[in-house]
Amino acid sequence: MFGLTFADADSTYTDADIVIYGVPYDRTSSFRSGSREAPSTVRRASYGFEVKHFEHSPVPDIRMHDFGDLDDHLRPEDMMGEIEFSVAPAVKDKKFTVAIGGEHSVTSPIVKQYGSVSVISVDAHLDSRDEFMGSPYSHACVMRRCSDIVGIDNVFVLGVRSISEEELDRDDVIPHITSYDITEKGMQKAIDIALDSVKNEKIYLTIDIDGIDPAFAPGTGTPEPFGLLPIDVKRLMNAIGERLVGMDVVEISPPYDHSNVTSVLGARLIKEGISIYAKHHIS
């Protein structure tokens, strides 16, 4: 990618602790497309924030490299292959990776590079079908594909409020907690349940922006009312900080994002993850 990079991502790859990738892919989007435009709008929004956030003080100097955007492919298999090829070196070099989607299907090939991790997802949907619209790599199948990689005991979804009958009528339902239960019992209880459920120590966090209530994140492909508060997602991120090894923010759809509020939120969540990682892992 030539042009705008994520704010303050001015280090070389070699010097960087954190590597940021844009994945402008939305070919399996089933309701509202447009998330392919999110990497550029999220990057622009990132310039509206401080370099460091006071609540995480002291935060060491953060060295970031923006890899740029991966190519847009027609077939999900081709997209996944390019992600694996591009992200694998950073994982091998023990750098913290941040992916800006694109749709949620971009997550599983990244998780594949990490291997033995737990995958915690914020999402309105369980995304656990075996296949959807003829493809096992649809955005509606991403948590099933992640469970294929790390095991069902190492995936957990928070904020769910839309699940198909086929996803529930099976023996291997993806572990999850609904936004309704979170409202009743509190986010801390949900975090405790999630962390007790997963087995691998290292955690990869994937944030589908539709997990957050559309009042705060209207610009998304499949909006679902009765969602989480942004501050609750921040609480989750802080709770897993010491275990966090990588993250993504997906399903932001700029064509439906009035005043760019969703891109702004996405950029802030990324900066939150970077600050948390830096506080715990960078000396």
C-alpha atoms as a PDB file:
ATOM      1  CA  MET A   1       0.000   0.000   0.000  1.00  0.00           C
ATOM      2  CA  PHE A   2       1.211   3.476  -0.850  1.00  0.00           C
ATOM      3  CA  GLY A   3      -0.060   6.467   1.077  1.00  0.00           C
ATOM      4  CA  LEU A   4      -1.627   6.703   4.484  1.00  0.00           C
ATOM      5  CA  THR A   5      -0.415   4.388   7.242  1.00  0.00           C
ATOM      6  CA  PHE A   6      -1.812   3.790  10.704  1.00  0.00           C
ATOM      7  CA  ALA A   7      -0.894   6.679  13.020  1.00  0.00           C
ATOM      8  CA  ASP A   8       2.642   6.483  14.438  1.00  0.00           C
ATOM      9  CA  ALA A   9       3.411   3.275  12.538  1.00  0.00           C
ATOM     10  CA  ASP A  10       6.691   4.684  11.280  1.00  0.00           C
ATOM     11  CA  SER A  11       9.123   1.899  12.218  1.00  0.00           C
ATOM     12  CA  THR A  12      10.676  -0.570   9.841  1.00  0.00           C
ATOM     13  CA  TYR A  13       9.506  -4.159  10.003  1.00  0.00           C
ATOM     14  CA  THR A  14      12.787  -5.208  11.577  1.00  0.00           C
ATOM     15  CA  ASP A  15      12.588  -2.637  14.381  1.00  0.00           C
ATOM     16  CA  ALA A  16       8.860  -2.982  15.050  1.00  0.00           C
ATOM     17  CA  ASP A  17       7.232  -4.837  17.923  1.00  0.00           C
ATOM     18  CA  ILE A  18       3.814  -4.526  16.277  1.00  0.00           C
ATOM     19  CA  VAL A  19       2.854  -5.102  12.635  1.00  0.00           C
ATOM     20  CA  ILE A  20      -0.424  -3.844  11.185  1.00  0.00           C
ATOM     21  CA  TYR A  21      -2.103  -5.387   8.136  1.00  0.00           C
ATOM     22  CA  GLY A  22      -5.030  -4.171   6.079  1.00  0.00           C
ATOM     23  CA  VAL A  23      -7.171  -6.939   4.597  1.00  0.00           C
ATOM     24  CA  PRO A  24      -9.669  -5.330   2.188  1.00  0.00           C
ATOM     25  CA  TYR A  25     -11.722  -8.444   1.543  1.00  0.00           C
ATOM     26  CA  ASP A  26     -15.517  -8.777   1.652  1.00  0.00           C
ATOM     27  CA  ARG A  27     -16.397 -11.223  -1.122  1.00  0.00           C
ATOM     28  CA  THR A  28     -18.530 -13.510   1.084  1.00  0.00           C
ATOM     29  CA  SER A  29     -20.510 -10.695   2.729  1.00  0.00           C
ATOM     30  CA  SER A  30     -24.122 -11.799   2.739  1.00  0.00           C
ATOM     31  CA  PHE A  31     -26.107  -8.658   3.675  1.00  0.00           C
ATOM     32  CA  ARG A  32     -24.239  -5.357   3.288  1.00  0.00           C
ATOM     33  CA  SER A  33     -20.818  -5.313   1.696  1.00  0.00           C
ATOM     34  CA  GLY A  34     -18.262  -2.528   1.931  1.00  0.00           C
ATOM     35  CA  SER A  35     -15.877  -3.728   4.644  1.00  0.00           C
ATOM     36  CA  ARG A  36     -13.117  -3.828   2.016  1.00  0.00           C
ATOM     37  CA  GLU A  37     -13.005  -0.032   2.434  1.00  0.00           C
ATOM     38  CA  ALA A  38     -12.374  -0.178   6.189  1.00  0.00           C
ATOM     39  CA  PRO A  39      -8.557  -0.414   6.302  1.00  0.00           C
ATOM     40  CA  SER A  40      -8.185   3.047   4.783  1.00  0.00           C
ATOM     41  CA  THR A  41     -10.935   4.714   6.852  1.00  0.00           C
ATOM     42  CA  VAL A  42      -9.681   3.166  10.100  1.00  0.00           C
ATOM     43  CA  ARG A  43      -6.158   4.359   9.319  1.00  0.00           C
ATOM     44  CA  ARG A  44      -7.434   7.896   8.757  1.00  0.00           C
ATOM     45  CA  ALA A  45      -9.403   7.769  12.011  1.00  0.00           C
ATOM     46  CA  SER A  46      -6.307   6.643  13.944  1.00  0.00           C
ATOM     47  CA  TYR A  47      -4.804  10.126  13.667  1.00  0.00           C
ATOM     48  CA  GLY A  48      -7.401  11.572  16.024  1.00  0.00           C
ATOM     49  CA  PHE A  49      -5.936  10.001  19.168  1.00  0.00           C
ATOM     50  CA  GLU A  50      -2.980  10.487  21.472  1.00  0.00           C
ATOM     51  CA  VAL A  51       0.073   8.314  20.919  1.00  0.00           C
ATOM     52  CA  LYS A  52      -0.288   6.902  24.439  1.00  0.00           C
ATOM     53  CA  HIS A  53      -3.369   6.610  26.628  1.00  0.00           C
ATOM     54  CA  PHE A  54      -3.082   7.872  30.193  1.00  0.00           C
ATOM     55  CA  GLU A  55      -5.000   5.017  31.799  1.00  0.00           C
ATOM     56  CA  HIS A  56      -2.284   2.579  30.754  1.00  0.00           C
ATOM     57  CA  SER A  57       0.589   4.675  32.097  1.00  0.00           C
ATOM     58  CA  PRO A  58       3.451   4.041  32.083  1.00  0.00           C
ATOM     59  CA  VAL A  59       3.453   2.799  28.483  1.00  0.00           C
ATOM     60  CA  PRO A  60       6.850   2.266  26.849  1.00  0.00           C
ATOM     61  CA  ASP A  61       7.676   3.616  23.425  1.00  0.00           C
ATOM     62  CA  ILE A  62       5.722   1.650  20.854  1.00  0.00           C
ATOM     63  CA  ARG A  63       7.394   0.668  17.610  1.00  0.00           C
ATOM     64  CA  MET A  64       4.871  -0.130  14.883  1.00  0.00           C
ATOM     65  CA  HIS A  65       5.136  -1.043  11.235  1.00  0.00           C
ATOM     66  CA  ASP A  66       2.228  -0.780   8.791  1.00  0.00           C
ATOM     67  CA  PHE A  67       2.636  -3.609   6.279  1.00  0.00           C
ATOM     68  CA  GLY A  68      -0.033  -2.046   4.052  1.00  0.00           C
ATOM     69  CA  ASP A  69      -3.011  -3.681   2.396  1.00  0.00           C
ATOM     70  CA  LEU A  70      -2.992  -7.209   1.078  1.00  0.00           C
ATOM     71  CA  ASP A  71      -4.376  -7.768  -2.405  1.00  0.00           C
ATOM     72  CA  ASP A  72      -8.110  -8.152  -2.907  1.00  0.00           C
ATOM     73  CA  HIS A  73      -8.958 -11.621  -4.214  1.00  0.00           C
ATOM     74  CA  LEU A  74     -12.116 -13.138  -5.655  1.00  0.00           C
ATOM     75  CA  ARG A  75     -11.930 -16.510  -3.911  1.00  0.00           C
ATOM     76  CA  PRO A  76     -11.683 -16.788  -0.118  1.00  0.00           C
ATOM     77  CA  GLU A  77      -9.088 -19.546  -0.511  1.00  0.00           C
ATOM     78  CA  ASP A  78      -6.789 -17.118  -2.347  1.00  0.00           C
ATOM     79  CA  MET A  79      -7.325 -14.442   0.290  1.00  0.00           C
ATOM     80  CA  MET A  80      -6.488 -16.926   3.019  1.00  0.00           C
ATOM     81  CA  GLY A  81      -3.345 -18.033   1.235  1.00  0.00           C
ATOM     82  CA  GLU A  82      -2.065 -14.476   0.975  1.00  0.00           C
ATOM     83  CA  ILE A  83      -2.823 -13.794   4.642  1.00  0.00           C
ATOM     84  CA  GLU A  84      -0.913 -16.899   5.684  1.00  0.00           C
ATOM     85  CA  PHE A  85       2.060 -15.932   3.498  1.00  0.00           C
ATOM     86  CA  SER A  86       2.100 -12.315   4.770  1.00  0.00           C
ATOM     87  CA  VAL A  87       1.416 -12.843   8.482  1.00  0.00           C
ATOM     88  CA  ALA A  88       3.507 -15.975   9.057  1.00  0.00           C
ATOM     89  CA  PRO A  89       6.870 -14.120   9.231  1.00  0.00           C
ATOM     90  CA  ALA A  90       5.591 -11.691  11.889  1.00  0.00           C
ATOM     91  CA  VAL A  91       4.228 -14.519  14.033  1.00  0.00           C
ATOM     92  CA  LYS A  92       7.502 -16.422  13.652  1.00  0.00           C
ATOM     93  CA  ASP A  93       9.386 -13.269  14.668  1.00  0.00           C
ATOM     94  CA  LYS A  94       7.136 -12.971  17.763  1.00  0.00           C
ATOM     95  CA  LYS A  95       5.641  -9.646  16.772  1.00  0.00           C
ATOM     96  CA  PHE A  96       2.142  -8.557  17.812  1.00  0.00           C
ATOM     97  CA  THR A  97      -0.082  -8.595  14.729  1.00  0.00           C
ATOM     98  CA  VAL A  98      -3.078  -6.365  14.137  1.00  0.00           C
ATOM     99  CA  ALA A  99      -5.359  -6.978  11.161  1.00  0.00           C
ATOM    100  CA  ILE A 100      -7.894  -4.439   9.940  1.00  0.00           C
ATOM    101  CA  GLY A 101     -10.659  -6.190   8.001  1.00  0.00           C
ATOM    102  CA  GLY A 102     -12.452  -6.714   5.779  1.00  0.00           C
ATOM    103  CA  GLU A 103     -14.976  -9.292   6.737  1.00  0.00           C
ATOM    104  CA  HIS A 104     -14.641 -11.828   9.519  1.00  0.00           C
ATOM    105  CA  SER A 105     -13.405 -14.636   7.273  1.00  0.00           C
ATOM    106  CA  VAL A 106      -9.938 -13.051   7.460  1.00  0.00           C
ATOM    107  CA  THR A 107      -9.483 -14.260  11.055  1.00  0.00           C
ATOM    108  CA  SER A 108      -9.009 -18.021  10.667  1.00  0.00           C
ATOM    109  CA  PRO A 109      -5.902 -17.902   8.424  1.00  0.00           C
ATOM    110  CA  ILE A 110      -4.250 -15.594  10.958  1.00  0.00           C
ATOM    111  CA  VAL A 111      -5.151 -17.921  13.821  1.00  0.00           C
ATOM    112  CA  LYS A 112      -3.654 -20.781  11.812  1.00  0.00           C
ATOM    113  CA  GLN A 113      -0.264 -19.048  11.974  1.00  0.00           C
ATOM    114  CA  TYR A 114      -0.410 -18.784  15.769  1.00  0.00           C
ATOM    115  CA  GLY A 115      -1.326 -22.413  16.282  1.00  0.00           C
ATOM    116  CA  SER A 116      -1.707 -23.114  20.006  1.00  0.00           C
ATOM    117  CA  VAL A 117      -3.805 -20.132  21.067  1.00  0.00           C
ATOM    118  CA  SER A 118      -7.241 -19.507  22.452  1.00  0.00           C
ATOM    119  CA  VAL A 119      -9.523 -17.435  20.246  1.00  0.00           C
ATOM    120  CA  ILE A 120     -11.856 -15.044  22.014  1.00  0.00           C
ATOM    121  CA  SER A 121     -14.357 -13.298  19.789  1.00  0.00           C
ATOM    122  CA  VAL A 122     -16.690 -10.357  20.287  1.00  0.00           C
ATOM    123  CA  ASP A 123     -19.564 -10.882  17.869  1.00  0.00           C
ATOM    124  CA  ALA A 124     -23.314 -10.529  17.504  1.00  0.00           C
ATOM    125  CA  HIS A 125     -23.354 -13.817  15.596  1.00  0.00           C
ATOM    126  CA  LEU A 126     -22.022 -17.234  16.489  1.00  0.00           C
ATOM    127  CA  ASP A 127     -20.504 -17.647  12.989  1.00  0.00           C
ATOM    128  CA  SER A 128     -20.261 -21.400  13.467  1.00  0.00           C
ATOM    129  CA  ARG A 129     -21.873 -22.914  10.381  1.00  0.00           C
ATOM    130  CA  ASP A 130     -20.072 -25.701   8.547  1.00  0.00           C
ATOM    131  CA  GLU A 131     -20.714 -23.824   5.313  1.00  0.00           C
ATOM    132  CA  PHE A 132     -22.770 -20.859   4.162  1.00  0.00           C
ATOM    133  CA  MET A 133     -23.898 -20.021   0.631  1.00  0.00           C
ATOM    134  CA  GLY A 134     -21.768 -22.867  -0.664  1.00  0.00           C
ATOM    135  CA  SER A 135     -18.499 -21.961   1.060  1.00  0.00           C
ATOM    136  CA  PRO A 136     -16.920 -23.312   4.253  1.00  0.00           C
ATOM    137  CA  TYR A 137     -14.817 -20.120   4.339  1.00  0.00           C
ATOM    138  CA  SER A 138     -17.699 -17.652   4.542  1.00  0.00           C
ATOM    139  CA  HIS A 139     -17.671 -14.987   7.228  1.00  0.00           C
ATOM    140  CA  ALA A 140     -20.569 -16.962   8.751  1.00  0.00           C
ATOM    141  CA  CYS A 141     -18.256 -19.957   9.328  1.00  0.00           C
ATOM    142  CA  VAL A 142     -15.223 -18.299  10.894  1.00  0.00           C
ATOM    143  CA  MET A 143     -15.538 -19.636  14.440  1.00  0.00           C
ATOM    144  CA  ARG A 144     -16.115 -23.169  13.144  1.00  0.00           C
ATOM    145  CA  ARG A 145     -12.917 -22.826  11.097  1.00  0.00           C
ATOM    146  CA  CYS A 146     -11.057 -21.447  14.123  1.00  0.00           C
ATOM    147  CA  SER A 147     -12.272 -24.381  16.217  1.00  0.00           C
ATOM    148  CA  ASP A 148     -10.954 -26.726  13.516  1.00  0.00           C
ATOM    149  CA  ILE A 149      -7.522 -25.174  14.066  1.00  0.00           C
ATOM    150  CA  VAL A 150      -7.299 -24.767  17.856  1.00  0.00           C
ATOM    151  CA  GLY A 151     -10.048 -27.075  19.141  1.00  0.00           C
ATOM    152  CA  ILE A 152     -13.522 -26.230  20.346  1.00  0.00           C
ATOM    153  CA  ASP A 153     -12.237 -25.908  23.917  1.00  0.00           C
ATOM    154  CA  ASN A 154     -10.144 -22.951  22.807  1.00  0.00           C
ATOM    155  CA  VAL A 155     -12.786 -20.735  21.217  1.00  0.00           C
ATOM    156  CA  PHE A 156     -15.324 -18.522  22.946  1.00  0.00           C
ATOM    157  CA  VAL A 157     -17.708 -15.827  21.677  1.00  0.00           C
ATOM    158  CA  LEU A 158     -19.058 -12.932  23.765  1.00  0.00           C
ATOM    159  CA  GLY A 159     -22.041 -10.752  22.902  1.00  0.00           C
ATOM    160  CA  VAL A 160     -23.980 -13.206  20.740  1.00  0.00           C
ATOM    161  CA  ARG A 161     -27.615 -12.394  19.986  1.00  0.00           C
ATOM    162  CA  SER A 162     -28.210 -14.048  16.628  1.00  0.00           C
ATOM    163  CA  ILE A 163     -27.841 -17.829  16.243  1.00  0.00           C
ATOM    164  CA  SER A 164     -29.369 -20.094  13.607  1.00  0.00           C
ATOM    165  CA  GLU A 165     -31.101 -23.352  14.498  1.00  0.00           C
ATOM    166  CA  GLU A 166     -28.441 -25.363  12.680  1.00  0.00           C
ATOM    167  CA  GLU A 167     -25.739 -23.842  14.878  1.00  0.00           C
ATOM    168  CA  LEU A 168     -27.536 -24.905  18.061  1.00  0.00           C
ATOM    169  CA  ASP A 169     -28.906 -28.262  16.912  1.00  0.00           C
ATOM    170  CA  ARG A 170     -25.599 -30.125  17.190  1.00  0.00           C
ATOM    171  CA  ASP A 171     -23.385 -31.686  19.849  1.00  0.00           C
ATOM    172  CA  ASP A 172     -20.449 -29.326  19.322  1.00  0.00           C
ATOM    173  CA  VAL A 173     -21.998 -25.902  19.831  1.00  0.00           C
ATOM    174  CA  ILE A 174     -19.353 -23.189  19.934  1.00  0.00           C
ATOM    175  CA  PRO A 175     -19.005 -21.952  23.566  1.00  0.00           C
ATOM    176  CA  HIS A 176     -20.532 -18.508  23.964  1.00  0.00           C
ATOM    177  CA  ILE A 177     -22.373 -16.069  26.169  1.00  0.00           C
ATOM    178  CA  THR A 178     -25.169 -13.855  24.919  1.00  0.00           C
ATOM    179  CA  SER A 179     -25.400 -10.102  25.220  1.00  0.00           C
ATOM    180  CA  TYR A 180     -28.588 -10.666  27.217  1.00  0.00           C
ATOM    181  CA  ASP A 181     -26.720 -12.667  29.859  1.00  0.00           C
ATOM    182  CA  ILE A 182     -23.977 -10.043  29.909  1.00  0.00           C
ATOM    183  CA  THR A 183     -26.586  -7.349  30.550  1.00  0.00           C
ATOM    184  CA  GLU A 184     -28.070  -9.381  33.406  1.00  0.00           C
ATOM    185  CA  LYS A 185     -24.862 -10.684  35.034  1.00  0.00           C
ATOM    186  CA  GLY A 186     -22.286  -8.056  34.079  1.00  0.00           C
ATOM    187  CA  MET A 187     -19.255  -8.043  31.813  1.00  0.00           C
ATOM    188  CA  GLN A 188     -16.833  -9.200  34.502  1.00  0.00           C
ATOM    189  CA  LYS A 189     -18.833 -12.404  35.001  1.00  0.00           C
ATOM    190  CA  ALA A 190     -18.778 -12.984  31.236  1.00  0.00           C
ATOM    191  CA  ILE A 191     -15.019 -12.447  31.121  1.00  0.00           C
ATOM    192  CA  ASP A 192     -14.537 -14.927  33.961  1.00  0.00           C
ATOM    193  CA  ILE A 193     -16.650 -17.525  32.148  1.00  0.00           C
ATOM    194  CA  ALA A 194     -14.734 -17.034  28.908  1.00  0.00           C
ATOM    195  CA  LEU A 195     -11.315 -17.287  30.530  1.00  0.00           C
ATOM    196  CA  ASP A 196     -12.345 -20.357  32.516  1.00  0.00           C
ATOM    197  CA  SER A 197     -13.604 -21.976  29.319  1.00  0.00           C
ATOM    198  CA  VAL A 198     -10.552 -21.655  27.070  1.00  0.00           C
ATOM    199  CA  LYS A 199      -7.488 -23.803  27.718  1.00  0.00           C
ATOM    200  CA  ASN A 200      -4.509 -22.347  25.831  1.00  0.00           C
ATOM    201  CA  GLU A 201      -2.701 -19.591  27.724  1.00  0.00           C
ATOM    202  CA  LYS A 202      -2.062 -17.276  24.783  1.00  0.00           C
ATOM    203  CA  ILE A 203      -5.096 -15.428  23.424  1.00  0.00           C
ATOM    204  CA  TYR A 204      -5.906 -14.114  19.973  1.00  0.00           C
ATOM    205  CA  LEU A 205      -8.712 -11.527  20.124  1.00  0.00           C
ATOM    206  CA  THR A 206     -11.040 -10.957  17.190  1.00  0.00           C
ATOM    207  CA  ILE A 207     -13.513  -8.092  17.385  1.00  0.00           C
ATOM    208  CA  ASP A 208     -16.376  -8.170  14.925  1.00  0.00           C
ATOM    209  CA  ILE A 209     -17.626  -4.617  15.253  1.00  0.00           C
ATOM    210  CA  ASP A 210     -21.254  -5.819  15.079  1.00  0.00           C
ATOM    211  CA  GLY A 211     -20.739  -7.321  18.538  1.00  0.00           C
ATOM    212  CA  ILE A 212     -21.048  -3.748  19.765  1.00  0.00           C
ATOM    213  CA  ASP A 213     -24.528  -2.245  19.719  1.00  0.00           C
ATOM    214  CA  PRO A 214     -25.317  -0.501  16.402  1.00  0.00           C
ATOM    215  CA  ALA A 215     -26.101   2.686  18.342  1.00  0.00           C
ATOM    216  CA  PHE A 216     -22.305   2.938  18.761  1.00  0.00           C
ATOM    217  CA  ALA A 217     -21.228   1.076  15.617  1.00  0.00           C
ATOM    218  CA  PRO A 218     -23.825   1.544  12.856  1.00  0.00           C
ATOM    219  CA  GLY A 219     -21.377   1.051   9.987  1.00  0.00           C
ATOM    220  CA  THR A 220     -21.307  -2.722   9.742  1.00  0.00           C
ATOM    221  CA  GLY A 221     -22.398  -5.419   7.356  1.00  0.00           C
ATOM    222  CA  THR A 222     -24.951  -7.195   9.558  1.00  0.00           C
ATOM    223  CA  PRO A 223     -26.143  -4.882  12.354  1.00  0.00           C
ATOM    224  CA  GLU A 224     -27.940  -6.546  15.253  1.00  0.00           C
ATOM    225  CA  PRO A 225     -29.622  -4.537  18.072  1.00  0.00           C
ATOM    226  CA  PHE A 226     -29.175  -5.212  21.807  1.00  0.00           C
ATOM    227  CA  GLY A 227     -25.396  -5.340  21.667  1.00  0.00           C
ATOM    228  CA  LEU A 228     -22.443  -4.685  23.935  1.00  0.00           C
ATOM    229  CA  LEU A 229     -21.191  -1.315  25.079  1.00  0.00           C
ATOM    230  CA  PRO A 230     -17.785  -0.214  23.806  1.00  0.00           C
ATOM    231  CA  ILE A 231     -16.560   0.207  27.396  1.00  0.00           C
ATOM    232  CA  ASP A 232     -17.360  -3.469  28.045  1.00  0.00           C
ATOM    233  CA  VAL A 233     -15.132  -4.491  25.138  1.00  0.00           C
ATOM    234  CA  LYS A 234     -12.411  -2.309  26.640  1.00  0.00           C
ATOM    235  CA  ARG A 235     -12.844  -4.174  29.951  1.00  0.00           C
ATOM    236  CA  LEU A 236     -12.429  -7.483  28.149  1.00  0.00           C
ATOM    237  CA  MET A 237      -9.266  -6.309  26.427  1.00  0.00           C
ATOM    238  CA  ASN A 238      -7.736  -5.156  29.692  1.00  0.00           C
ATOM    239  CA  ALA A 239      -8.602  -8.459  31.367  1.00  0.00           C
ATOM    240  CA  ILE A 240      -6.719 -10.532  28.793  1.00  0.00           C
ATOM    241  CA  GLY A 241      -3.817  -8.112  28.341  1.00  0.00           C
ATOM    242  CA  GLU A 242      -1.043 -10.301  29.727  1.00  0.00           C
ATOM    243  CA  ARG A 243      -2.135 -13.183  27.486  1.00  0.00           C
ATOM    244  CA  LEU A 244      -2.787 -11.213  24.298  1.00  0.00           C
ATOM    245  CA  VAL A 245      -0.640 -12.141  21.271  1.00  0.00           C
ATOM    246  CA  GLY A 246      -2.597 -10.716  18.338  1.00  0.00           C
ATOM    247  CA  MET A 247      -5.900  -9.155  17.353  1.00  0.00           C
ATOM    248  CA  ASP A 248      -8.120  -7.998  14.553  1.00  0.00           C
ATOM    249  CA  VAL A 249     -11.046  -5.636  14.095  1.00  0.00           C
ATOM    250  CA  VAL A 250     -13.382  -6.673  11.299  1.00  0.00           C
ATOM    251  CA  GLU A 251     -16.746  -6.006   9.620  1.00  0.00           C
ATOM    252  CA  ILE A 252     -16.587  -2.195   9.633  1.00  0.00           C
ATOM    253  CA  SER A 253     -18.494  -1.061   6.523  1.00  0.00           C
ATOM    254  CA  PRO A 254     -17.721   2.597   5.715  1.00  0.00           C
ATOM    255  CA  PRO A 255     -20.581   3.033   3.187  1.00  0.00           C
ATOM    256  CA  TYR A 256     -23.009   2.667   6.106  1.00  0.00           C
ATOM    257  CA  ASP A 257     -20.886   4.570   8.626  1.00  0.00           C
ATOM    258  CA  HIS A 258     -22.377   8.030   9.082  1.00  0.00           C
ATOM    259  CA  SER A 259     -19.796  10.541  10.340  1.00  0.00           C
ATOM    260  CA  ASN A 260     -17.225   7.696  10.466  1.00  0.00           C
ATOM    261  CA  VAL A 261     -18.160   6.869  14.064  1.00  0.00           C
ATOM    262  CA  THR A 262     -17.603   3.137  13.524  1.00  0.00           C
ATOM    263  CA  SER A 263     -14.187   3.636  11.939  1.00  0.00           C
ATOM    264  CA  VAL A 264     -13.255   5.914  14.842  1.00  0.00           C
ATOM    265  CA  LEU A 265     -14.313   3.231  17.318  1.00  0.00           C
ATOM    266  CA  GLY A 266     -12.399   0.591  15.378  1.00  0.00           C
ATOM    267  CA  ALA A 267      -9.244   2.704  15.396  1.00  0.00           C
ATOM    268  CA  ARG A 268      -9.570   3.311  19.133  1.00  0.00           C
ATOM    269  CA  LEU A 269     -10.022  -0.391  19.843  1.00  0.00           C
ATOM    270  CA  ILE A 270      -6.860  -1.113  17.890  1.00  0.00           C
ATOM    271  CA  LYS A 271      -4.962   1.555  19.810  1.00  0.00           C
ATOM    272  CA  GLU A 272      -6.338   0.053  23.018  1.00  0.00           C
ATOM    273  CA  GLY A 273      -5.015  -3.371  22.089  1.00  0.00           C
ATOM    274  CA  ILE A 274      -1.637  -1.949  21.139  1.00  0.00           C
ATOM    275  CA  SER A 275      -1.352  -0.015  24.429  1.00  0.00           C
ATOM    276  CA  ILE A 276      -2.348  -3.058  26.462  1.00  0.00           C
ATOM    277  CA  TYR A 277       0.134  -5.272  24.667  1.00  0.00           C
ATOM    278  CA  ALA A 278       2.904  -2.717  25.046  1.00  0.00           C
ATOM    279  CA  LYS A 279       2.260  -2.283  28.768  1.00  0.00           C
ATOM    280  CA  HIS A 280       2.587  -6.013  29.408  1.00  0.00           C
ATOM    281  CA  HIS A 281       5.137  -7.134  26.829  1.00  0.00           C
ATOM    282  CA  ILE A 282       7.445  -4.277  25.802  1.00  0.00           C
ATOM    283  CA  SER A 283      10.172  -3.132  28.176  1.00  0.00           C
END
